[in-house]
C-alpha cells in the first residue's frame, strides 16, 4: 500500500514540509513517484522517516543522517561504520542526559529549600541571594 505525502504526514505526525526537506537533503533516496510526479510512500519509508525524526529530535545533524543513508546505500559492509556513528551519538546523548540530571537535581534542591521556608523549618534569608545586611 502506498501513501501520499499528506497521508504520510498525517500517519507520522510529521509536517509535509519536513518530509520534503528530508527528501531534498537526500535522506529519502528510495521514494517513488507516480506518473504525475507525486511522491508515493511505502510502509518502510514511513518507518525510516519516523526514525529520522526521532534522531533529529535528539540533536543528530542532518549531515550525520545523510552519512548513514549514503553508507546504507553502499551496502552491508558499511554496518560497522554506521554502528560507530550511532554509538558516538549515543555517547553524546548520555552526556547531555547527565547535564539534564544535574539540572533536575539543582531544581529539586531549590524546591526543597522553598518548601522548608514555607513550612517554617528554614529562615527565608537562606532561600535565595543574601545581601550584606541579611535582606533579600
Protein backbone atom coordinates (compact mmCIF):
# COMPACT_ATOMS: atom_id res chain seq x y z
CA UNK A 1 0.00 0.00 0.00
CA UNK A 2 1.29 3.45 -0.95
CA UNK A 3 0.60 6.74 0.79
CA UNK A 4 0.59 10.30 -0.49
CA UNK A 5 2.70 12.89 1.29
CA UNK A 6 -0.45 14.15 3.02
CA UNK A 7 -1.30 10.66 4.27
CA UNK A 8 2.31 10.03 5.31
CA UNK A 9 2.37 13.33 7.17
CA UNK A 10 -0.87 12.53 8.99
CA UNK A 11 0.21 8.99 9.90
CA UNK A 12 3.57 10.16 11.20
CA UNK A 13 2.53 13.43 12.82
CA UNK A 14 5.38 14.96 10.82
CA UNK A 15 4.77 18.09 8.72
CA UNK A 16 4.81 17.55 4.96
CA UNK A 17 7.41 20.31 4.59
CA UNK A 18 9.75 18.33 6.87
CA UNK A 19 9.33 15.24 4.70
CA UNK A 20 10.04 17.32 1.59
CA UNK A 21 13.12 18.77 3.29
CA UNK A 22 14.39 15.29 4.16
CA UNK A 23 13.96 14.27 0.53
CA UNK A 24 15.71 17.41 -0.72
CA UNK A 25 18.65 16.68 1.60
CA UNK A 26 18.98 13.17 0.18
CA UNK A 27 17.63 11.38 3.24
CA UNK A 28 14.85 9.64 1.31
CA UNK A 29 16.59 8.27 -1.78
CA UNK A 30 14.09 5.48 -2.45
CA UNK A 31 10.84 7.46 -2.56
CA UNK A 32 8.90 6.57 -5.68
CA UNK A 33 6.69 8.90 -7.67
CA UNK A 34 3.55 8.29 -9.66
CA UNK A 35 3.01 9.28 -13.29
CA UNK A 36 2.10 12.83 -12.15
CA UNK A 37 5.27 13.25 -10.07
CA UNK A 38 3.52 12.83 -6.72
CA UNK A 39 5.52 11.11 -4.02
CA UNK A 40 4.45 7.59 -3.07
CA UNK A 41 5.47 6.39 0.37
CA UNK A 42 5.61 2.73 1.34
CA UNK A 43 5.40 1.46 4.90
CA UNK A 44 9.20 1.07 5.13
CA UNK A 45 9.56 4.72 4.06
CA UNK A 46 7.31 5.75 6.95
CA UNK A 47 9.41 3.73 9.38
CA UNK A 48 12.58 5.41 8.11
CA UNK A 49 11.06 8.90 8.33
CA UNK A 50 9.90 8.18 11.89
CA UNK A 51 13.41 7.04 12.81
CA UNK A 52 14.98 10.15 11.26
CA UNK A 53 12.51 12.36 13.09
CA UNK A 54 13.50 10.67 16.34
CA UNK A 55 17.21 11.09 15.61
CA UNK A 56 16.69 14.75 14.71
CA UNK A 57 14.79 15.28 17.98
CA UNK A 58 17.90 14.03 19.80
CA UNK A 59 20.02 16.62 18.02
CA UNK A 60 21.57 14.43 15.35
CA UNK A 61 22.63 16.71 12.49
CA UNK A 62 21.17 16.21 9.01
CA UNK A 63 24.73 15.68 7.75
CA UNK A 64 25.13 12.68 10.06
CA UNK A 65 21.83 11.23 8.86
CA UNK A 66 22.96 11.75 5.27
CA UNK A 67 26.18 9.89 6.05
CA UNK A 68 24.15 6.96 7.43
CA UNK A 69 21.97 6.95 4.29
CA UNK A 70 25.00 7.06 2.00
CA UNK A 71 26.64 4.22 3.91
CA UNK A 72 23.44 2.17 3.81
CA UNK A 73 23.26 2.62 0.04
CA UNK A 74 26.89 1.48 -0.21
CA UNK A 75 25.92 -1.86 1.29
CA UNK A 76 26.07 -4.08 4.35
CA UNK A 77 29.86 -3.89 4.56
CA UNK A 78 29.35 -0.37 5.99
CA UNK A 79 27.41 -1.57 9.03
CA UNK A 80 30.45 -1.19 11.35
CA UNK A 81 30.81 2.46 10.31
CA UNK A 82 27.08 3.09 10.72
CA UNK A 83 27.17 1.44 14.12
CA UNK A 84 30.08 3.69 15.15
CA UNK A 85 28.16 6.81 14.12
CA UNK A 86 25.21 5.72 16.26
CA UNK A 87 27.42 4.71 19.20
CA UNK A 88 29.08 8.14 19.13
CA UNK A 89 25.68 9.82 19.03
CA UNK A 90 24.51 7.68 21.93
CA UNK A 91 27.53 8.78 23.99
CA UNK A 92 26.68 12.41 23.29
CA UNK A 93 23.09 11.75 24.39
CA UNK A 94 24.35 10.19 27.62
CA UNK A 95 26.48 13.27 28.28
CA UNK A 96 23.51 15.56 27.68
CA UNK A 97 21.31 13.34 29.85
CA UNK A 98 23.80 13.72 32.71
CA UNK A 99 23.67 17.50 32.30
CA UNK A 100 19.87 17.36 32.50
CA UNK A 101 20.01 15.05 35.53
CA UNK A 102 22.30 17.56 37.25
CA UNK A 103 19.92 20.39 36.39
CA UNK A 104 16.94 18.43 37.76
CA UNK A 105 18.87 17.80 40.95
CA UNK A 106 19.57 21.53 41.35
CA UNK A 107 15.92 22.42 40.76
CA UNK A 108 14.77 19.74 43.22
CA UNK A 109 17.19 21.09 45.82
CA UNK A 110 15.89 24.63 45.40
CA UNK A 111 12.29 23.44 45.61
CA UNK A 112 13.08 21.62 48.86
CA UNK A 113 14.60 24.84 50.27
CA UNK A 114 11.43 26.74 49.39
CA UNK A 115 9.29 24.00 50.95
CA UNK A 116 11.31 24.21 54.17
CA UNK A 117 10.91 28.00 54.24
CA UNK A 118 7.15 27.73 53.67
CA UNK A 119 6.88 25.10 56.42
CA UNK A 120 8.83 27.26 58.87
CA UNK A 121 11.78 24.89 59.04
CA UNK A 122 14.22 27.36 57.47
CA UNK A 123 14.58 31.12 57.72
CA UNK A 124 13.66 32.94 54.50
CA UNK A 125 17.02 34.72 54.46
CA UNK A 126 18.56 31.39 53.45
CA UNK A 127 16.20 30.95 50.50
CA UNK A 128 17.94 32.81 47.72
CA UNK A 129 20.55 35.52 47.50
CA UNK A 130 21.53 37.27 50.70
CA UNK A 131 22.53 40.90 50.76
CA UNK A 132 25.30 42.10 53.07
CA UNK A 133 22.68 43.32 55.55
CA UNK A 134 20.87 39.96 55.54
CA UNK A 135 17.94 41.17 53.41
CA UNK A 136 16.94 39.65 50.13
